[in-house]
Amino acid sequence: MRVDKRVDPSSIFILGKSLGSILAWRAFCADKDFLGVILLTPLCATEDEKHYLSPAVDARPVLIIAGNNDPHCKLALVNQLATALGDKAVLKLVAGNHNLEWSDAQCEQRGQSVEDVEIAFRRRISALAMTICTWIDAGLANIRLKES
């Protein structure tokens, strides 16, 4: 990507979902050229899992997006991760499981049809995409401000 003339090599963020968030984190820690990292539904199921070691890597921004009902990412542990990362981390909780979907029970509880659930899911994903874009734009603006 850094050699693609359409991409500004000084403006690259990295994103990983689920298992990919571990790989994105490792790449982010190893390569200081990444401006920030987005951990989408990271794996934080048990205290023994230390996938996101070296939380004090530096001051580059980190966006963590987790489902509020994700069996693979317990809220207490993802909160610990965000706290350990300090001010550079933003934690965004989204209604849903590891795929950011609602369970059948949640849908039934809300009395929603399959169509309503699909529409709501698309809206949540669209809003999430906007959140990511806004976060990246703010990160780029902050970096450029520091450079000037």
C-alpha atoms as a PDB file:
ATOM      1  CA  MET A   1       0.000   0.000   0.000  1.00  0.00           C
ATOM      2  CA  ARG A   2       2.843   2.376   0.740  1.00  0.00           C
ATOM      3  CA  VAL A   3       4.036   2.190  -2.856  1.00  0.00           C
ATOM      4  CA  ASP A   4       0.577   2.798  -4.356  1.00  0.00           C
ATOM      5  CA  LYS A   5       0.689   6.339  -5.748  1.00  0.00           C
ATOM      6  CA  ARG A   6      -2.984   6.841  -4.827  1.00  0.00           C
ATOM      7  CA  VAL A   7      -2.203   6.413  -1.119  1.00  0.00           C
ATOM      8  CA  ASP A   8      -0.414   8.957   1.041  1.00  0.00           C
ATOM      9  CA  PRO A   9       2.064   6.716   2.912  1.00  0.00           C
ATOM     10  CA  SER A  10       2.129   9.161   5.822  1.00  0.00           C
ATOM     11  CA  SER A  11      -1.618   8.757   6.418  1.00  0.00           C
ATOM     12  CA  ILE A  12      -2.130   5.029   6.925  1.00  0.00           C
ATOM     13  CA  PHE A  13      -4.216   3.614   9.753  1.00  0.00           C
ATOM     14  CA  ILE A  14      -4.640  -0.120  10.298  1.00  0.00           C
ATOM     15  CA  LEU A  15      -7.854  -1.951  11.199  1.00  0.00           C
ATOM     16  CA  GLY A  16      -8.464  -5.519  12.275  1.00  0.00           C
ATOM     17  CA  LYS A  17     -11.633  -7.345  13.274  1.00  0.00           C
ATOM     18  CA  SER A  18     -11.739 -10.184  15.795  1.00  0.00           C
ATOM     19  CA  LEU A  19      -8.601 -12.298  15.278  1.00  0.00           C
ATOM     20  CA  GLY A  20      -7.495  -9.678  12.766  1.00  0.00           C
ATOM     21  CA  SER A  21      -7.469  -7.110  15.574  1.00  0.00           C
ATOM     22  CA  ILE A  22      -4.636  -9.055  17.209  1.00  0.00           C
ATOM     23  CA  LEU A  23      -2.674  -8.986  13.960  1.00  0.00           C
ATOM     24  CA  ALA A  24      -3.451  -5.298  13.448  1.00  0.00           C
ATOM     25  CA  TRP A  25      -2.258  -4.572  17.006  1.00  0.00           C
ATOM     26  CA  ARG A  26       1.001  -6.453  16.450  1.00  0.00           C
ATOM     27  CA  ALA A  27       1.620  -4.676  13.145  1.00  0.00           C
ATOM     28  CA  PHE A  28       0.786  -1.331  14.776  1.00  0.00           C
ATOM     29  CA  CYS A  29       3.241  -1.954  17.624  1.00  0.00           C
ATOM     30  CA  ALA A  30       5.975  -3.103  15.242  1.00  0.00           C
ATOM     31  CA  ASP A  31       5.567  -0.393  12.599  1.00  0.00           C
ATOM     32  CA  LYS A  32       5.673   3.214  13.794  1.00  0.00           C
ATOM     33  CA  ASP A  33       4.554   4.395  10.345  1.00  0.00           C
ATOM     34  CA  PHE A  34       0.954   3.418  11.107  1.00  0.00           C
ATOM     35  CA  LEU A  35      -0.744   6.540  12.408  1.00  0.00           C
ATOM     36  CA  GLY A  36      -3.346   4.689  14.436  1.00  0.00           C
ATOM     37  CA  VAL A  37      -5.121   1.388  14.901  1.00  0.00           C
ATOM     38  CA  ILE A  38      -8.759   0.334  14.993  1.00  0.00           C
ATOM     39  CA  LEU A  39      -9.572  -2.814  16.957  1.00  0.00           C
ATOM     40  CA  LEU A  40     -13.002  -3.936  15.762  1.00  0.00           C
ATOM     41  CA  THR A  41     -14.556  -6.510  18.103  1.00  0.00           C
ATOM     42  CA  PRO A  42     -11.234  -7.446  19.718  1.00  0.00           C
ATOM     43  CA  LEU A  43     -10.745 -10.752  21.521  1.00  0.00           C
ATOM     44  CA  CYS A  44     -10.828 -10.106  25.289  1.00  0.00           C
ATOM     45  CA  ALA A  45     -12.689 -13.114  26.668  1.00  0.00           C
ATOM     46  CA  THR A  46     -10.473 -14.097  29.617  1.00  0.00           C
ATOM     47  CA  GLU A  47      -7.929 -12.449  31.890  1.00  0.00           C
ATOM     48  CA  ASP A  48      -5.334 -14.947  30.610  1.00  0.00           C
ATOM     49  CA  GLU A  49      -5.535 -13.656  27.053  1.00  0.00           C
ATOM     50  CA  LYS A  50      -2.854 -11.016  26.648  1.00  0.00           C
ATOM     51  CA  HIS A  51      -3.294 -10.318  22.942  1.00  0.00           C
ATOM     52  CA  TYR A  52      -2.803  -6.591  23.264  1.00  0.00           C
ATOM     53  CA  LEU A  53       0.446  -6.442  25.196  1.00  0.00           C
ATOM     54  CA  SER A  54       2.625  -3.355  25.502  1.00  0.00           C
ATOM     55  CA  PRO A  55      -0.292  -0.952  25.890  1.00  0.00           C
ATOM     56  CA  ALA A  56       2.077   1.960  26.452  1.00  0.00           C
ATOM     57  CA  VAL A  57       3.543   1.789  22.945  1.00  0.00           C
ATOM     58  CA  ASP A  58       3.365   5.529  22.315  1.00  0.00           C
ATOM     59  CA  ALA A  59       0.883   8.327  21.819  1.00  0.00           C
ATOM     60  CA  ARG A  60      -0.646   7.149  18.540  1.00  0.00           C
ATOM     61  CA  PRO A  61      -4.433   6.897  18.647  1.00  0.00           C
ATOM     62  CA  VAL A  62      -6.355   3.666  19.204  1.00  0.00           C
ATOM     63  CA  LEU A  63     -10.062   3.148  18.482  1.00  0.00           C
ATOM     64  CA  ILE A  64     -11.661   0.104  20.108  1.00  0.00           C
ATOM     65  CA  ILE A  65     -15.119  -0.914  18.925  1.00  0.00           C
ATOM     66  CA  ALA A  66     -16.864  -3.710  20.802  1.00  0.00           C
ATOM     67  CA  GLY A  67     -20.326  -5.196  20.964  1.00  0.00           C
ATOM     68  CA  ASN A  68     -22.013  -4.750  24.319  1.00  0.00           C
ATOM     69  CA  ASN A  69     -23.107  -8.404  24.268  1.00  0.00           C
ATOM     70  CA  ASP A  70     -19.966 -10.012  22.812  1.00  0.00           C
ATOM     71  CA  PRO A  71     -19.039 -13.394  24.348  1.00  0.00           C
ATOM     72  CA  HIS A  72     -15.521 -13.053  22.908  1.00  0.00           C
ATOM     73  CA  CYS A  73     -14.878  -9.635  24.418  1.00  0.00           C
ATOM     74  CA  LYS A  74     -16.005  -9.117  27.993  1.00  0.00           C
ATOM     75  CA  LEU A  75     -16.858  -5.516  28.769  1.00  0.00           C
ATOM     76  CA  ALA A  76     -14.753  -5.402  31.936  1.00  0.00           C
ATOM     77  CA  LEU A  77     -11.673  -6.583  30.029  1.00  0.00           C
ATOM     78  CA  VAL A  78     -12.132  -4.260  27.069  1.00  0.00           C
ATOM     79  CA  ASN A  79     -12.593  -1.410  29.561  1.00  0.00           C
ATOM     80  CA  GLN A  80      -9.320  -2.440  31.241  1.00  0.00           C
ATOM     81  CA  LEU A  81      -7.578  -2.360  27.868  1.00  0.00           C
ATOM     82  CA  ALA A  82      -8.926   1.092  27.049  1.00  0.00           C
ATOM     83  CA  THR A  83      -7.954   2.357  30.503  1.00  0.00           C
ATOM     84  CA  ALA A  84      -4.435   0.909  30.181  1.00  0.00           C
ATOM     85  CA  LEU A  85      -4.017   2.691  26.844  1.00  0.00           C
ATOM     86  CA  GLY A  86      -4.947   5.996  28.466  1.00  0.00           C
ATOM     87  CA  ASP A  87      -5.997   9.179  26.708  1.00  0.00           C
ATOM     88  CA  LYS A  88      -4.970   7.955  23.272  1.00  0.00           C
ATOM     89  CA  ALA A  89      -7.698   5.281  23.320  1.00  0.00           C
ATOM     90  CA  VAL A  90     -11.356   5.713  22.461  1.00  0.00           C
ATOM     91  CA  LEU A  91     -13.750   2.912  23.356  1.00  0.00           C
ATOM     92  CA  LYS A  92     -17.007   2.729  21.398  1.00  0.00           C
ATOM     93  CA  LEU A  93     -19.590   0.197  22.530  1.00  0.00           C
ATOM     94  CA  VAL A  94     -22.158  -0.878  19.955  1.00  0.00           C
ATOM     95  CA  ALA A  95     -25.364  -2.798  20.598  1.00  0.00           C
ATOM     96  CA  GLY A  96     -24.778  -6.365  19.517  1.00  0.00           C
ATOM     97  CA  ASN A  97     -22.641  -9.472  19.702  1.00  0.00           C
ATOM     98  CA  HIS A  98     -19.226 -10.233  18.164  1.00  0.00           C
ATOM     99  CA  ASN A  99     -20.657  -9.545  14.694  1.00  0.00           C
ATOM    100  CA  LEU A 100     -22.448  -6.476  16.048  1.00  0.00           C
ATOM    101  CA  GLU A 101     -25.745  -8.258  15.477  1.00  0.00           C
ATOM    102  CA  TRP A 102     -28.599  -8.735  17.905  1.00  0.00           C
ATOM    103  CA  SER A 103     -29.482 -12.212  19.095  1.00  0.00           C
ATOM    104  CA  ASP A 104     -32.837 -13.745  18.160  1.00  0.00           C
ATOM    105  CA  ALA A 105     -33.917 -13.272  21.777  1.00  0.00           C
ATOM    106  CA  GLN A 106     -33.104  -9.549  21.650  1.00  0.00           C
ATOM    107  CA  CYS A 107     -35.092  -9.200  18.423  1.00  0.00           C
ATOM    108  CA  GLU A 108     -38.066 -11.037  19.901  1.00  0.00           C
ATOM    109  CA  GLN A 109     -37.850  -8.950  23.046  1.00  0.00           C
ATOM    110  CA  ARG A 110     -38.047  -5.806  20.919  1.00  0.00           C
ATOM    111  CA  GLY A 111     -40.866  -7.264  18.855  1.00  0.00           C
ATOM    112  CA  GLN A 112     -39.042  -6.635  15.584  1.00  0.00           C
ATOM    113  CA  SER A 113     -39.470  -8.445  12.308  1.00  0.00           C
ATOM    114  CA  VAL A 114     -36.520  -9.859  10.379  1.00  0.00           C
ATOM    115  CA  GLU A 115     -36.778  -6.913   7.971  1.00  0.00           C
ATOM    116  CA  ASP A 116     -36.747  -4.393  10.826  1.00  0.00           C
ATOM    117  CA  VAL A 117     -33.699  -6.086  12.326  1.00  0.00           C
ATOM    118  CA  GLU A 118     -31.861  -6.011   8.966  1.00  0.00           C
ATOM    119  CA  ILE A 119     -32.640  -2.331   8.473  1.00  0.00           C
ATOM    120  CA  ALA A 120     -31.513  -1.510  12.024  1.00  0.00           C
ATOM    121  CA  PHE A 121     -28.305  -3.516  11.515  1.00  0.00           C
ATOM    122  CA  ARG A 122     -27.473  -1.657   8.284  1.00  0.00           C
ATOM    123  CA  ARG A 123     -28.094   1.657  10.010  1.00  0.00           C
ATOM    124  CA  ARG A 124     -25.817   0.709  12.929  1.00  0.00           C
ATOM    125  CA  ILE A 125     -23.054  -0.377  10.537  1.00  0.00           C
ATOM    126  CA  SER A 126     -23.416   2.837   8.511  1.00  0.00           C
ATOM    127  CA  ALA A 127     -23.221   4.896  11.697  1.00  0.00           C
ATOM    128  CA  LEU A 128     -20.203   2.888  12.786  1.00  0.00           C
ATOM    129  CA  ALA A 129     -18.479   3.530   9.444  1.00  0.00           C
ATOM    130  CA  MET A 130     -19.097   7.259   9.931  1.00  0.00           C
ATOM    131  CA  THR A 131     -17.668   7.030  13.454  1.00  0.00           C
ATOM    132  CA  ILE A 132     -14.512   5.390  12.093  1.00  0.00           C
ATOM    133  CA  CYS A 133     -14.133   7.979   9.304  1.00  0.00           C
ATOM    134  CA  THR A 134     -14.663  10.865  11.721  1.00  0.00           C
ATOM    135  CA  TRP A 135     -12.131   9.381  14.158  1.00  0.00           C
ATOM    136  CA  ILE A 136      -9.542   8.957  11.380  1.00  0.00           C
ATOM    137  CA  ASP A 137     -10.156  12.501  10.095  1.00  0.00           C
ATOM    138  CA  ALA A 138      -9.707  13.888  13.614  1.00  0.00           C
ATOM    139  CA  GLY A 139      -6.510  11.869  14.054  1.00  0.00           C
ATOM    140  CA  LEU A 140      -5.087  13.160  10.775  1.00  0.00           C
ATOM    141  CA  ALA A 141      -6.032  16.740  11.638  1.00  0.00           C
ATOM    142  CA  ASN A 142      -4.416  16.414  15.069  1.00  0.00           C
ATOM    143  CA  ILE A 143      -1.200  15.004  13.588  1.00  0.00           C
ATOM    144  CA  ARG A 144      -1.005  17.731  10.949  1.00  0.00           C
ATOM    145  CA  LEU A 145      -1.647  20.358  13.616  1.00  0.00           C
ATOM    146  CA  LYS A 146       1.287  19.037  15.626  1.00  0.00           C
ATOM    147  CA  GLU A 147       3.490  19.082  12.526  1.00  0.00           C
ATOM    148  CA  SER A 148       2.793  22.761  11.773  1.00  0.00           C
END
